[in-house]
């Protein structure tokens, strides 16, 4: 059986948490987290805190333990999330750059996002993102000159 960490607050932490729990310009999440920590400091258990605040027991335990580990900074922000890893962009970016700078399309003077997407198998929006990221503007060049760099 896990035992919830006990919370002891300094006067400064208590004042800050009480201000956050009553603040009108504070996010609802931070108000909720500060109420959880204040109730934990009173010696209440996670089940009692969850009932009183209106959250799940695991949520009460999570914010209690994060405050115990990191203090006020632990409840101010969520943990950073990784997000989805780029799948195609890394593999196709080099091909898009190479084709844009080294070759011209057949029957055209410069690449458009649609013709480049068709040639590389990427989407039109991905071609546009790559061009923007690398400051490539083949549609603005009057005469296309292949670079030897």
Protein backbone atom coordinates (compact mmCIF):
# COMPACT_ATOMS: atom_id res chain seq x y z
CA UNK A 1 0.00 0.00 0.00
CA UNK A 2 1.31 3.42 -0.95
CA UNK A 3 1.41 6.18 1.60
CA UNK A 4 0.75 9.71 0.44
CA UNK A 5 3.56 12.15 1.22
CA UNK A 6 2.84 14.52 4.06
CA UNK A 7 2.73 18.19 3.15
CA UNK A 8 4.12 20.91 5.39
CA UNK A 9 3.85 24.50 4.22
CA UNK A 10 5.86 27.56 5.07
CA UNK A 11 3.97 30.79 5.75
CA UNK A 12 4.96 32.15 2.35
CA UNK A 13 3.80 29.02 0.53
CA UNK A 14 0.50 29.04 2.42
CA UNK A 15 -0.15 32.70 1.50
CA UNK A 16 0.66 32.02 -2.14
CA UNK A 17 -1.56 28.93 -2.30
CA UNK A 18 -4.46 30.71 -0.60
CA UNK A 19 -4.14 33.62 -3.04
CA UNK A 20 -4.11 31.19 -5.96
CA UNK A 21 -7.12 29.26 -4.67
CA UNK A 22 -9.19 32.47 -4.39
CA UNK A 23 -7.78 34.43 -7.33
CA UNK A 24 -10.10 35.53 -10.11
CA UNK A 25 -7.36 35.94 -12.69
CA UNK A 26 -5.78 32.57 -11.94
CA UNK A 27 -6.54 29.58 -14.15
CA UNK A 28 -9.08 27.10 -12.86
CA UNK A 29 -6.49 24.33 -12.95
CA UNK A 30 -4.10 26.24 -10.72
CA UNK A 31 -6.94 27.08 -8.32
CA UNK A 32 -7.85 23.41 -8.12
CA UNK A 33 -4.25 22.31 -7.59
CA UNK A 34 -3.69 24.87 -4.85
CA UNK A 35 -6.87 23.72 -3.05
CA UNK A 36 -5.63 20.13 -3.26
CA UNK A 37 -2.30 21.07 -1.68
CA UNK A 38 -3.93 23.20 1.03
CA UNK A 39 -6.23 20.33 2.01
CA UNK A 40 -3.27 17.93 1.97
CA UNK A 41 -1.43 20.28 4.33
CA UNK A 42 -4.37 20.05 6.73
CA UNK A 43 -3.71 16.30 6.94
CA UNK A 44 -6.59 15.08 4.80
CA UNK A 45 -6.29 11.95 2.71
CA UNK A 46 -6.52 11.82 -1.07
CA UNK A 47 -10.03 10.34 -1.03
CA UNK A 48 -11.31 13.16 1.17
CA UNK A 49 -9.55 15.76 -0.96
CA UNK A 50 -10.97 14.26 -4.16
CA UNK A 51 -14.51 14.41 -2.77
CA UNK A 52 -14.17 17.95 -1.53
CA UNK A 53 -12.49 19.40 -4.63
CA UNK A 54 -14.44 17.30 -7.15
CA UNK A 55 -11.58 15.48 -8.83
CA UNK A 56 -10.42 11.89 -9.15
CA UNK A 57 -8.37 10.30 -6.36
CA UNK A 58 -5.39 9.85 -8.70
CA UNK A 59 -5.51 13.54 -9.60
CA UNK A 60 -5.40 14.53 -5.95
CA UNK A 61 -2.48 12.17 -5.36
CA UNK A 62 -0.64 13.39 -8.44
CA UNK A 63 -0.66 17.07 -7.43
CA UNK A 64 0.10 16.25 -3.82
CA UNK A 65 3.21 14.30 -4.81
CA UNK A 66 4.34 16.89 -7.36
CA UNK A 67 4.12 19.61 -4.73
CA UNK A 68 6.07 17.41 -2.31
CA UNK A 69 8.82 16.93 -4.91
CA UNK A 70 9.01 20.33 -6.63
CA UNK A 71 7.21 22.84 -4.41
CA UNK A 72 5.13 25.63 -5.92
CA UNK A 73 6.79 25.27 -9.32
CA UNK A 74 5.57 21.67 -9.50
CA UNK A 75 1.90 22.65 -9.56
CA UNK A 76 2.13 25.82 -11.63
CA UNK A 77 2.59 24.09 -14.99
CA UNK A 78 1.82 20.72 -16.50
CA UNK A 79 4.70 18.53 -17.45
CA UNK A 80 5.85 19.07 -21.02
CA UNK A 81 4.44 16.56 -23.40
CA UNK A 82 6.42 15.15 -26.25
CA UNK A 83 3.87 15.42 -28.99
CA UNK A 84 3.90 13.43 -32.14
CA UNK A 85 7.26 12.70 -33.69
CA UNK A 86 7.76 13.93 -37.26
CA UNK A 87 7.49 10.91 -39.49
CA UNK A 88 7.93 11.97 -43.11
CA UNK A 89 9.49 15.40 -42.89
CA UNK A 90 13.00 14.32 -41.93
CA UNK A 91 13.18 11.79 -44.73
CA UNK A 92 11.74 13.93 -47.50
CA UNK A 93 13.11 17.38 -46.55
CA UNK A 94 16.51 16.74 -48.09
CA UNK A 95 14.91 15.48 -51.30
CA UNK A 96 12.66 18.55 -51.55
CA UNK A 97 15.60 20.92 -51.02
CA UNK A 98 17.76 19.09 -53.52
CA UNK A 99 15.11 19.06 -56.22
CA UNK A 100 14.25 22.71 -55.63
CA UNK A 101 17.82 23.95 -55.87
CA UNK A 102 19.37 21.52 -58.35
CA UNK A 103 16.72 20.57 -60.90
CA UNK A 104 13.92 22.15 -62.85
CA UNK A 105 10.65 20.38 -63.53
CA UNK A 106 9.84 19.13 -67.00
CA UNK A 107 7.92 21.65 -69.12
CA UNK A 108 8.25 24.44 -66.51
CA UNK A 109 10.70 27.11 -65.41
CA UNK A 110 10.36 26.58 -61.67
CA UNK A 111 8.75 24.30 -59.13
CA UNK A 112 5.31 24.91 -57.69
CA UNK A 113 4.17 23.29 -54.47
CA UNK A 114 1.85 21.02 -56.42
CA UNK A 115 4.46 19.82 -58.89
CA UNK A 116 7.03 19.33 -56.13
CA UNK A 117 4.50 17.39 -54.05
CA UNK A 118 3.76 15.18 -57.02
CA UNK A 119 7.47 14.57 -57.70
CA UNK A 120 8.40 13.74 -54.10
CA UNK A 121 5.26 12.02 -52.89
CA UNK A 122 4.78 14.55 -50.10
CA UNK A 123 1.76 16.74 -49.51
CA UNK A 124 1.54 20.24 -50.89
CA UNK A 125 1.44 21.75 -47.40
CA UNK A 126 4.58 19.84 -46.41
CA UNK A 127 6.45 21.22 -49.43
CA UNK A 128 5.31 24.69 -48.45
CA UNK A 129 6.49 24.18 -44.83
CA UNK A 130 9.93 22.98 -45.98
CA UNK A 131 10.33 25.90 -48.38
CA UNK A 132 9.34 28.38 -45.65
CA UNK A 133 11.71 26.80 -43.13
CA UNK A 134 14.65 27.00 -45.55
CA UNK A 135 13.67 30.33 -47.12
CA UNK A 136 13.31 28.87 -50.61
CA UNK A 137 11.17 30.87 -53.05
CA UNK A 138 11.43 29.34 -56.50
CA UNK A 139 8.29 31.16 -57.68
CA UNK A 140 9.91 34.58 -57.13
CA UNK A 141 12.99 33.99 -59.27
CA UNK A 142 12.78 35.27 -62.87
CA UNK A 143 15.62 33.17 -64.19
CA UNK A 144 16.44 29.97 -62.43
CA UNK A 145 20.13 29.34 -61.89
CA UNK A 146 21.33 26.02 -60.54
CA UNK A 147 23.70 26.45 -57.63
CA UNK A 148 27.02 24.65 -57.53
CA UNK A 149 27.27 24.90 -53.75
